[in-house]
Amino acid sequence: MFQNKKILVLGLARSGFACCKQLVKLNCKVTVNDSKEEKKIDKRELQELKNLGVTTIFGSHPDNLLDNTFDFVIKNPGIRNDHEYIIKAKELDIPVINEVEFAYQMLPQNVKIISITGTNGKTTTTTLVYTLLKSAYDNTYLAGNIGYPLCSILDKIKENDILVTEISCQQLANLKTFKPHIAALTNLSPAHIDFFGDYETYKKVKVKLFQNQDASDIAILNLENIDSLENTKNILSQKKYFSSKQKADAYLKDDNLYYKDELIINRNEMLIKGDHNVENALIAITIAKLMGVSTSLIRKVLKEFKGVTHRLELVDVVQKRYFYNDTEATNIKCTEIALKSFPNDKIVLFLGGLERGQKFEELIPFLKNVRAIIGIGECRERVKELGDSLKIPTYIYEHLKEGFEKAFLVSEENDIILLSPASASWDQYKECEERGDEFKKYVENLKNGSN
């Protein structure tokens, strides 16, 4: 289908780079275009593309670039469908797809595809599903929105392999034939309205994950999420349900997680905490059982799984203090979820970062178990005002390093020391992951010093 074609790859990033390399193998004439200036492109990637004969056009979208000589446009998921080239491609009757759709059509026969989407929890769920299946089957691969373009692993995948994918709403928007054998929707709530225009459109895009499924396929749905249920009424796949509040195919009762009434594990045996992670685990358990993984192996993995890096990740336990890295909590809602995950524990909380007018007072109902607050970054003075108003001991520092030292000093045995700042990191870091890595480094230093 793609052999010897002329193709425009719109948007580079990781998926565009991997896609270009695969297209060259198919003897395609490839042009990649990105609004980012060439000097901001990774030099090694740029040189590799040029060595492969890819035409590179950076810094703008020239009016005369796209014409009817192109056979396909393969776009980066982050590019909206109202982009000038996408509109022009439709006028010229040129098919527009994305990297996932292209890679899917290149897969060998009989690959078992498992896909997870949803507003919240999809990365943790996808990672847990992959960990479970990889523990049971060596021929399991991970790709998609989780950071590994499907194109980048195409050469490794063989017939009858297992492919676990996280699929974002932006990827779903341009999928045509993609058909997972098992598809899970964690939940639906308003998100990405700036990209899709309204919530109704967003919901319709999300359930496109099920659009090509038939009665031989399986959909896993949240029994407690009305929008998920309403928007999947007409899908053709077999429906399996999970619930943290009532009996379902997979459910929580008296702190125990069950599948088909079989006890799998007590929630207190899991390292990942919070009701949201119980739901993520219920999805993963359902998929693992459907794929034939034994209960004993599921239990073992759930006992050891620390979560996704930078998302309520248990870093380590040092001197009976539990250190959690939740640096990706860059808004109030995420920090609320983190705090609710430790209802019976005392917490030393890192709060603050880039000043964006965050309404820290919205966290007040969830600070009852907070022993102390460490305010950091630009908005640390406002963090101090919050803590003082609640009579919670609050200490402020410009940098994480000094704050970390204080956090340990004011903590006690069995406390949770939690980096969940409800703030972006751009006042001091290029990415919030750097903040999380620094926190993890201090935990490691503390552990080494305590030996």
Protein backbone atom coordinates (compact mmCIF):
# COMPACT_ATOMS: atom_id res chain seq x y z
CA MET A 1 0.00 0.00 0.00
CA PHE A 2 2.81 2.41 0.86
CA GLN A 3 5.55 0.99 -1.37
CA ASN A 4 7.11 3.52 -3.76
CA LYS A 5 4.76 6.34 -2.70
CA LYS A 6 5.38 10.06 -2.31
CA ILE A 7 4.59 11.01 1.26
CA LEU A 8 4.59 14.16 3.37
CA VAL A 9 5.36 13.59 7.05
CA LEU A 10 3.91 16.58 8.88
CA GLY A 11 5.60 17.19 12.21
CA LEU A 12 8.84 15.49 13.22
CA ALA A 13 9.13 14.59 16.93
CA ARG A 14 9.75 10.95 17.84
CA SER A 15 6.88 9.50 15.83
CA GLY A 16 7.74 11.47 12.69
CA PHE A 17 11.39 10.47 12.86
CA ALA A 18 10.55 6.78 13.26
CA CYS A 19 7.95 6.99 10.51
CA CYS A 20 10.40 8.55 8.03
CA LYS A 21 12.87 5.73 8.58
CA GLN A 22 10.22 3.08 7.90
CA LEU A 23 8.99 4.86 4.77
CA VAL A 24 12.50 4.98 3.34
CA LYS A 25 12.68 1.18 3.71
CA LEU A 26 9.58 1.02 1.49
CA ASN A 27 11.36 3.04 -1.18
CA CYS A 28 9.11 6.02 -0.61
CA LYS A 29 9.96 9.57 -1.61
CA VAL A 30 9.68 11.27 1.78
CA THR A 31 9.40 14.94 2.72
CA VAL A 32 9.25 15.94 6.39
CA ASN A 33 7.98 19.37 7.37
CA ASP A 34 7.97 20.97 10.82
CA SER A 35 7.40 24.55 11.94
CA LYS A 36 10.30 24.21 14.37
CA GLU A 37 13.49 25.87 13.15
CA GLU A 38 16.22 23.53 11.91
CA LYS A 39 18.66 24.67 14.59
CA LYS A 40 16.27 23.30 17.21
CA ILE A 41 16.15 19.84 15.63
CA ASP A 42 18.37 17.11 17.11
CA LYS A 43 21.52 17.22 14.98
CA ARG A 44 22.01 13.46 14.88
CA GLU A 45 18.42 12.82 13.82
CA LEU A 46 18.61 15.54 11.20
CA GLN A 47 21.81 14.14 9.71
CA GLU A 48 20.38 10.61 9.69
CA LEU A 49 17.30 11.77 7.78
CA LYS A 50 19.43 13.63 5.25
CA ASN A 51 21.67 10.59 4.82
CA LEU A 52 18.56 8.53 4.08
CA GLY A 53 17.55 10.97 1.34
CA VAL A 54 14.61 12.51 3.19
CA THR A 55 13.76 16.06 2.10
CA THR A 56 13.66 18.25 5.21
CA ILE A 57 11.79 21.55 5.39
CA PHE A 58 11.81 23.29 8.76
CA GLY A 59 10.79 26.66 10.16
CA SER A 60 7.57 27.19 8.19
CA HIS A 61 4.82 25.53 6.15
CA PRO A 62 5.41 26.80 2.59
CA ASP A 63 2.24 27.48 0.59
CA ASN A 64 3.50 25.55 -2.43
CA LEU A 65 4.78 22.45 -0.61
CA LEU A 66 1.68 20.24 -0.67
CA ASP A 67 0.24 19.43 -4.08
CA ASN A 68 -1.57 16.60 -5.83
CA THR A 69 1.64 14.66 -6.49
CA PHE A 70 1.62 13.39 -2.88
CA ASP A 71 -0.04 10.04 -2.15
CA PHE A 72 -0.36 10.41 1.64
CA VAL A 73 0.03 12.87 4.48
CA ILE A 74 1.16 11.25 7.73
CA LYS A 75 0.76 13.79 10.50
CA ASN A 76 2.00 14.12 14.05
CA PRO A 77 -0.91 13.47 16.45
CA GLY A 78 -0.41 16.86 18.09
CA ILE A 79 -1.26 18.70 14.87
CA ARG A 80 -4.92 19.69 14.71
CA ASN A 81 -7.17 18.62 11.88
CA ASP A 82 -7.82 22.25 10.99
CA HIS A 83 -4.14 22.76 10.05
CA GLU A 84 -3.78 24.36 6.62
CA TYR A 85 -2.10 21.29 5.12
CA ILE A 86 -4.78 18.94 6.46
CA ILE A 87 -7.52 21.08 4.95
CA LYS A 88 -5.65 21.28 1.64
CA ALA A 89 -5.04 17.50 1.63
CA LYS A 90 -8.77 16.92 1.91
CA GLU A 91 -9.39 19.32 -0.96
CA LEU A 92 -6.84 17.39 -3.04
CA ASP A 93 -8.31 14.04 -1.93
CA ILE A 94 -5.03 12.99 -0.32
CA PRO A 95 -5.52 10.53 2.58
CA VAL A 96 -4.43 11.87 5.98
CA ILE A 97 -3.39 9.33 8.61
CA ASN A 98 -0.99 9.27 11.55
CA GLU A 99 2.01 7.19 12.54
CA VAL A 100 -0.04 4.64 14.50
CA GLU A 101 -2.34 3.97 11.55
CA PHE A 102 0.59 3.63 9.16
CA ALA A 103 2.45 1.27 11.49
CA TYR A 104 -0.70 -0.79 12.14
CA GLN A 105 -1.09 -1.45 8.43
CA MET A 106 2.53 -2.64 8.33
CA LEU A 107 2.19 -5.18 11.16
CA PRO A 108 2.59 -8.92 10.53
CA GLN A 109 -0.46 -11.17 10.62
CA ASN A 110 -2.16 -12.24 13.85
CA VAL A 111 -0.47 -9.79 16.20
CA LYS A 112 -2.59 -9.63 19.36
CA ILE A 113 -3.20 -5.90 19.99
CA ILE A 114 -4.23 -4.56 23.39
CA SER A 115 -5.00 -0.84 23.59
CA ILE A 116 -5.76 1.48 26.47
CA THR A 117 -7.18 4.99 26.30
CA GLY A 118 -9.03 7.31 28.68
CA THR A 119 -8.84 10.75 30.21
CA ASN A 120 -6.87 9.66 33.27
CA GLY A 121 -4.85 6.60 34.20
CA LYS A 122 -3.99 5.30 30.75
CA THR A 123 -0.21 5.45 31.13
CA THR A 124 -0.16 3.65 34.49
CA THR A 125 -2.65 1.07 33.22
CA THR A 126 -0.74 0.50 29.99
CA THR A 127 2.55 0.10 31.85
CA LEU A 128 1.01 -2.32 34.34
CA VAL A 129 -0.63 -4.38 31.57
CA TYR A 130 2.69 -4.56 29.72
CA THR A 131 4.54 -5.58 32.90
CA LEU A 132 2.01 -8.34 33.60
CA LEU A 133 2.03 -9.75 30.08
CA LYS A 134 5.79 -9.43 29.64
CA SER A 135 6.21 -11.43 32.86
CA ALA A 136 4.18 -14.23 31.29
CA TYR A 137 5.09 -13.94 27.61
CA ASP A 138 8.48 -12.89 26.24
CA ASN A 139 6.98 -11.87 22.90
CA THR A 140 5.20 -8.82 24.38
CA TYR A 141 5.98 -5.30 23.15
CA LEU A 142 5.03 -1.79 24.32
CA ALA A 143 4.32 1.19 22.04
CA GLY A 144 2.13 4.21 21.37
CA ASN A 145 1.55 7.41 23.30
CA ILE A 146 3.64 6.05 26.15
CA GLY A 147 6.79 7.31 24.43
CA TYR A 148 7.66 4.51 22.01
CA PRO A 149 6.37 5.13 18.48
CA LEU A 150 4.97 1.95 16.97
CA CYS A 151 7.14 2.55 13.92
CA SER A 152 10.25 2.34 16.09
CA ILE A 153 9.58 -1.32 16.99
CA LEU A 154 8.02 -2.53 13.74
CA ASP A 155 11.14 -4.47 12.78
CA LYS A 156 11.02 -6.46 16.03
CA ILE A 157 7.40 -7.59 15.90
CA LYS A 158 6.67 -11.03 14.46
CA GLU A 159 3.50 -12.97 13.71
CA ASN A 160 1.50 -13.91 16.84
CA ASP A 161 3.36 -11.44 19.08
CA ILE A 162 1.53 -9.36 21.71
CA LEU A 163 1.44 -5.58 21.35
CA VAL A 164 0.35 -3.34 24.27
CA THR A 165 -0.42 0.23 23.23
CA GLU A 166 -1.46 3.45 24.89
CA ILE A 167 -3.58 5.46 22.44
CA SER A 168 -4.21 9.17 23.00
CA CYS A 169 -7.20 11.15 21.79
CA GLN A 170 -4.98 12.95 19.28
CA GLN A 171 -3.89 9.60 17.85
CA LEU A 172 -7.47 8.34 17.74
CA ALA A 173 -8.56 11.36 15.73
CA ASN A 174 -6.87 10.05 12.57
CA LEU A 175 -7.16 6.28 12.95
CA LYS A 176 -8.97 4.53 10.10
CA THR A 177 -8.55 0.74 10.27
CA PHE A 178 -6.80 0.21 13.63
CA LYS A 179 -8.47 -2.74 15.41
CA PRO A 180 -7.38 -3.92 18.86
CA HIS A 181 -8.45 -7.34 20.10
CA ILE A 182 -8.81 -5.96 23.63
CA ALA A 183 -9.55 -2.25 24.15
CA ALA A 184 -9.94 -0.53 27.52
CA LEU A 185 -11.38 2.89 28.34
CA THR A 186 -10.26 3.98 31.82
CA ASN A 187 -12.73 6.87 32.16
CA LEU A 188 -14.04 9.98 30.42
CA SER A 189 -14.13 13.54 31.72
CA PRO A 190 -13.71 16.96 30.04
CA ALA A 191 -10.21 17.37 28.60
CA HIS A 192 -8.38 18.68 25.52
CA ILE A 193 -11.24 21.04 24.73
CA ASP A 194 -8.70 23.42 23.17
CA PHE A 195 -7.79 20.70 20.65
CA PHE A 196 -11.25 19.36 19.82
CA GLY A 197 -13.45 22.40 20.42
CA ASP A 198 -15.96 20.81 22.82
CA TYR A 199 -16.44 17.85 25.13
CA GLU A 200 -18.92 16.09 22.84
CA THR A 201 -16.34 15.87 20.07
CA TYR A 202 -13.70 14.68 22.51
CA LYS A 203 -15.97 11.84 23.72
CA LYS A 204 -16.73 10.73 20.18
CA VAL A 205 -13.04 10.65 19.34
CA LYS A 206 -12.21 8.62 22.45
CA VAL A 207 -14.64 5.83 21.64
CA LYS A 208 -13.17 5.51 18.13
CA LEU A 209 -10.88 2.96 19.77
CA PHE A 210 -13.80 0.53 19.53
CA GLN A 211 -15.04 1.52 16.05
CA ASN A 212 -13.52 -1.43 14.15
CA GLN A 213 -14.05 -4.06 16.82
CA ASP A 214 -16.54 -6.88 16.25
CA ALA A 215 -18.11 -9.59 18.40
CA SER A 216 -14.81 -11.47 18.59
CA ASP A 217 -13.16 -8.51 20.32
CA ILE A 218 -13.42 -7.24 23.89
CA ALA A 219 -14.09 -3.79 25.36
CA ILE A 220 -13.28 -3.11 29.02
CA LEU A 221 -15.36 -0.30 30.52
CA ASN A 222 -15.73 1.62 33.77
CA LEU A 223 -19.07 0.80 35.40
CA GLU A 224 -18.83 3.96 37.52
CA ASN A 225 -18.26 6.38 34.64
CA ILE A 226 -21.55 7.42 33.04
CA ASP A 227 -19.96 9.11 30.03
CA SER A 228 -18.02 5.93 29.21
CA LEU A 229 -21.17 3.83 29.35
CA GLU A 230 -23.31 6.27 27.38
CA ASN A 231 -20.81 6.65 24.57
CA THR A 232 -20.16 2.92 24.11
CA LYS A 233 -23.77 1.75 23.94
CA ASN A 234 -23.59 0.83 20.27
CA ILE A 235 -20.19 -0.81 20.02
CA LEU A 236 -20.15 -4.39 18.69
CA SER A 237 -17.47 -5.88 20.94
CA GLN A 238 -18.03 -8.01 24.03
CA LYS A 239 -18.23 -5.76 27.09
CA LYS A 240 -16.39 -6.43 30.33
CA TYR A 241 -16.81 -4.08 33.28
CA PHE A 242 -14.70 -3.01 36.24
CA SER A 243 -15.79 -1.13 39.35
CA SER A 244 -14.35 0.11 42.63
CA LYS A 245 -17.83 0.43 44.15
CA GLN A 246 -20.00 -2.50 43.03
CA LYS A 247 -19.80 -6.03 41.71
CA ALA A 248 -18.59 -6.35 38.10
CA ASP A 249 -16.30 -8.61 36.10
CA ALA A 250 -13.44 -7.09 38.11
CA TYR A 251 -14.29 -5.29 41.33
CA LEU A 252 -13.20 -4.04 44.75
CA LYS A 253 -14.89 -5.27 47.91
CA ASP A 254 -13.67 -4.85 51.49
CA ASP A 255 -10.25 -3.70 50.20
CA ASN A 256 -9.88 -6.86 48.11
CA LEU A 257 -9.61 -6.92 44.31
CA TYR A 258 -11.57 -9.70 42.62
CA TYR A 259 -11.92 -11.06 39.11
CA LYS A 260 -15.00 -13.21 38.47
CA ASP A 261 -15.34 -13.59 42.26
CA GLU A 262 -11.78 -14.93 42.56
CA LEU A 263 -9.69 -13.07 45.12
CA ILE A 264 -6.65 -11.61 43.39
CA ILE A 265 -5.01 -9.34 45.97
CA ASN A 266 -5.68 -7.03 48.90
CA ARG A 267 -5.17 -3.39 47.94
CA ASN A 268 -2.83 -2.88 50.90
CA GLU A 269 -0.41 -5.39 49.39
CA MET A 270 0.06 -3.17 46.32
CA LEU A 271 2.74 -0.49 46.22
CA ILE A 272 0.64 1.82 44.04
CA LYS A 273 -1.84 3.74 46.17
CA GLY A 274 -5.20 5.45 45.72
CA ASP A 275 -8.66 4.57 44.40
CA HIS A 276 -7.60 5.58 40.90
CA ASN A 277 -4.82 3.00 40.98
CA VAL A 278 -7.24 0.35 42.22
CA GLU A 279 -9.26 0.99 39.05
CA ASN A 280 -6.13 0.88 36.92
CA ALA A 281 -5.21 -2.45 38.53
CA LEU A 282 -8.71 -3.85 37.93
CA ILE A 283 -8.35 -3.14 34.21
CA ALA A 284 -4.91 -4.74 34.14
CA ILE A 285 -6.16 -7.79 36.04
CA THR A 286 -9.01 -8.22 33.56
CA ILE A 287 -6.68 -8.07 30.58
CA ALA A 288 -4.15 -10.40 32.19
CA LYS A 289 -6.83 -12.99 33.00
CA LEU A 290 -8.25 -12.76 29.48
CA MET A 291 -4.74 -13.39 28.19
CA GLY A 292 -4.27 -16.45 30.37
CA VAL A 293 -1.90 -15.08 33.02
CA SER A 294 -2.00 -17.03 36.28
CA THR A 295 -3.38 -15.48 39.45
CA SER A 296 -0.12 -16.15 41.28
CA LEU A 297 1.89 -14.21 38.69
CA ILE A 298 -0.64 -11.36 38.67
CA ARG A 299 -0.39 -11.12 42.44
CA LYS A 300 3.42 -11.14 42.33
CA VAL A 301 3.56 -8.32 39.76
CA LEU A 302 1.00 -6.21 41.61
CA LYS A 303 3.00 -6.55 44.83
CA GLU A 304 6.17 -5.32 43.09
CA PHE A 305 4.86 -2.70 40.64
CA LYS A 306 6.00 0.76 41.75
CA GLY A 307 4.00 2.74 39.23
CA VAL A 308 5.03 4.90 36.31
CA THR A 309 8.11 7.07 36.65
CA HIS A 310 7.21 10.55 37.94
CA ARG A 311 3.53 9.66 38.55
CA LEU A 312 3.02 8.86 42.22
CA GLU A 313 6.08 6.65 41.91
CA LEU A 314 7.38 4.95 45.03
CA VAL A 315 11.06 5.84 44.81
CA ASP A 316 12.29 3.99 47.88
CA VAL A 317 11.87 3.45 51.59
CA VAL A 318 14.72 4.98 53.59
CA GLN A 319 14.88 4.94 57.40
CA LYS A 320 11.22 3.91 57.39
CA ARG A 321 10.20 6.98 55.35
CA TYR A 322 8.30 6.36 52.10
CA PHE A 323 9.44 8.67 49.31
CA TYR A 324 6.97 9.27 46.45
CA ASN A 325 7.81 11.16 43.26
CA ASP A 326 4.71 12.74 41.71
CA THR A 327 6.46 15.55 39.85
CA GLU A 328 3.97 15.28 36.98
CA ALA A 329 1.33 16.67 39.34
CA THR A 330 1.59 20.09 37.74
CA ASN A 331 -1.94 21.16 38.66
CA ILE A 332 -4.18 21.21 41.72
CA LYS A 333 -6.33 18.25 40.66
CA CYS A 334 -3.35 15.90 40.33
CA THR A 335 -2.08 16.83 43.78
CA GLU A 336 -5.58 16.32 45.19
CA ILE A 337 -5.55 12.77 43.78
CA ALA A 338 -2.11 12.14 45.28
CA LEU A 339 -3.17 13.34 48.74
CA LYS A 340 -6.34 11.23 48.63
CA SER A 341 -4.15 8.20 47.91
CA PHE A 342 -2.79 8.25 51.49
CA PRO A 343 -5.89 8.67 53.68
CA ASN A 344 -4.35 7.05 56.76
CA ASP A 345 -0.76 8.30 56.55
CA LYS A 346 1.07 11.36 57.77
CA ILE A 347 2.54 13.34 54.86
CA VAL A 348 5.37 15.80 54.36
CA LEU A 349 4.34 17.60 51.18
CA PHE A 350 6.45 19.45 48.62
CA LEU A 351 4.31 22.18 47.04
CA GLY A 352 5.12 24.93 44.55
CA GLY A 353 7.07 25.78 41.43
CA LEU A 354 6.21 28.09 38.55
CA GLU A 355 3.88 30.95 39.51
CA ARG A 356 0.70 30.53 37.47
CA GLY A 357 -1.83 31.78 39.97
CA GLN A 358 -2.62 28.29 41.25
CA LYS A 359 -5.48 28.22 43.73
CA PHE A 360 -3.69 26.28 46.47
CA GLU A 361 -6.66 26.84 48.80
CA GLU A 362 -8.55 24.23 46.76
CA LEU A 363 -6.29 21.66 48.43
CA ILE A 364 -7.43 22.55 51.96
CA PRO A 365 -9.95 19.66 52.31
CA PHE A 366 -7.17 17.20 51.50
CA LEU A 367 -4.43 18.52 53.82
CA LYS A 368 -5.74 17.07 57.09
CA ASN A 369 -3.00 14.43 57.31
CA VAL A 370 -0.19 16.73 56.22
CA ARG A 371 2.42 16.97 58.96
CA ALA A 372 4.46 19.68 57.21
CA ILE A 373 4.65 21.55 53.91
CA ILE A 374 7.85 22.35 52.05
CA GLY A 375 7.24 25.31 49.73
CA ILE A 376 9.59 25.58 46.74
CA GLY A 377 9.99 27.65 43.60
CA GLU A 378 8.54 30.98 42.50
CA CYS A 379 5.26 30.65 44.37
CA ARG A 380 6.72 29.50 47.69
CA GLU A 381 5.55 32.62 49.54
CA ARG A 382 1.93 31.82 48.67
CA VAL A 383 2.49 28.26 49.81
CA LYS A 384 3.70 29.65 53.14
CA GLU A 385 0.54 31.75 53.45
CA LEU A 386 -1.58 28.64 52.89
CA GLY A 387 0.30 26.56 55.47
CA ASP A 388 0.31 29.33 58.07
CA SER A 389 -3.43 29.88 57.67
CA LEU A 390 -3.99 26.18 58.46
CA LYS A 391 -1.39 26.11 61.25
CA ILE A 392 0.57 23.45 59.34
CA PRO A 393 4.35 23.87 59.85
CA THR A 394 5.54 25.29 56.52
CA TYR A 395 9.10 25.90 55.41
CA ILE A 396 10.05 27.62 52.17
CA TYR A 397 13.12 27.32 49.99
CA GLU A 398 13.93 28.46 46.50
CA HIS A 399 15.42 25.10 45.54
CA LEU A 400 14.45 21.49 46.02
CA LYS A 401 17.79 20.48 47.56
CA GLU A 402 17.42 22.60 50.69
CA GLY A 403 13.78 21.68 50.95
CA PHE A 404 14.59 17.96 50.77
CA GLU A 405 16.97 18.19 53.69
CA LYS A 406 14.30 19.92 55.78
CA ALA A 407 11.61 17.43 54.75
CA PHE A 408 13.61 14.55 56.15
CA LEU A 409 14.38 16.42 59.38
CA VAL A 410 10.70 17.14 60.12
CA SER A 411 9.44 13.71 59.11
CA GLU A 412 8.92 10.72 61.38
CA GLU A 413 9.03 6.96 60.83
CA ASN A 414 6.31 5.64 58.47
CA ASP A 415 5.65 9.12 57.05
CA ILE A 416 5.04 9.71 53.35
CA ILE A 417 7.46 12.28 51.89
CA LEU A 418 5.61 13.38 48.78
CA LEU A 419 6.76 15.51 45.86
CA SER A 420 3.40 16.50 44.36
CA PRO A 421 3.86 20.23 43.74
CA ALA A 422 0.60 21.24 41.99
CA SER A 423 2.84 23.46 39.88
CA ALA A 424 4.76 23.41 36.62
CA SER A 425 8.55 23.28 36.89
CA TRP A 426 9.58 25.81 34.24
CA ASP A 427 10.78 28.34 36.81
CA GLN A 428 13.88 26.16 37.32
CA TYR A 429 13.73 23.16 34.97
CA LYS A 430 13.20 22.51 31.28
CA GLU A 431 10.78 19.67 32.07
CA CYS A 432 9.05 18.45 35.20
CA GLU A 433 10.85 15.12 34.77
CA GLU A 434 14.11 16.87 35.67
CA ARG A 435 12.56 17.92 38.97
CA GLY A 436 11.52 14.33 39.64
CA ASP A 437 14.95 12.97 38.74
CA GLU A 438 16.56 15.42 41.15
CA PHE A 439 14.21 14.30 43.93
CA LYS A 440 15.08 10.67 43.20
CA LYS A 441 18.80 11.50 43.29
CA TYR A 442 18.43 12.99 46.79
CA VAL A 443 16.57 9.87 47.94
CA GLU A 444 19.38 7.69 46.59
CA ASN A 445 22.00 9.88 48.28
CA LEU A 446 20.12 9.63 51.55
CA LYS A 447 19.92 5.86 51.25
CA ASN A 448 23.63 5.50 50.48
CA GLY A 449 24.52 7.74 53.36
CA SER A 450 22.41 5.73 55.73
CA ASN A 451 24.07 2.41 54.98
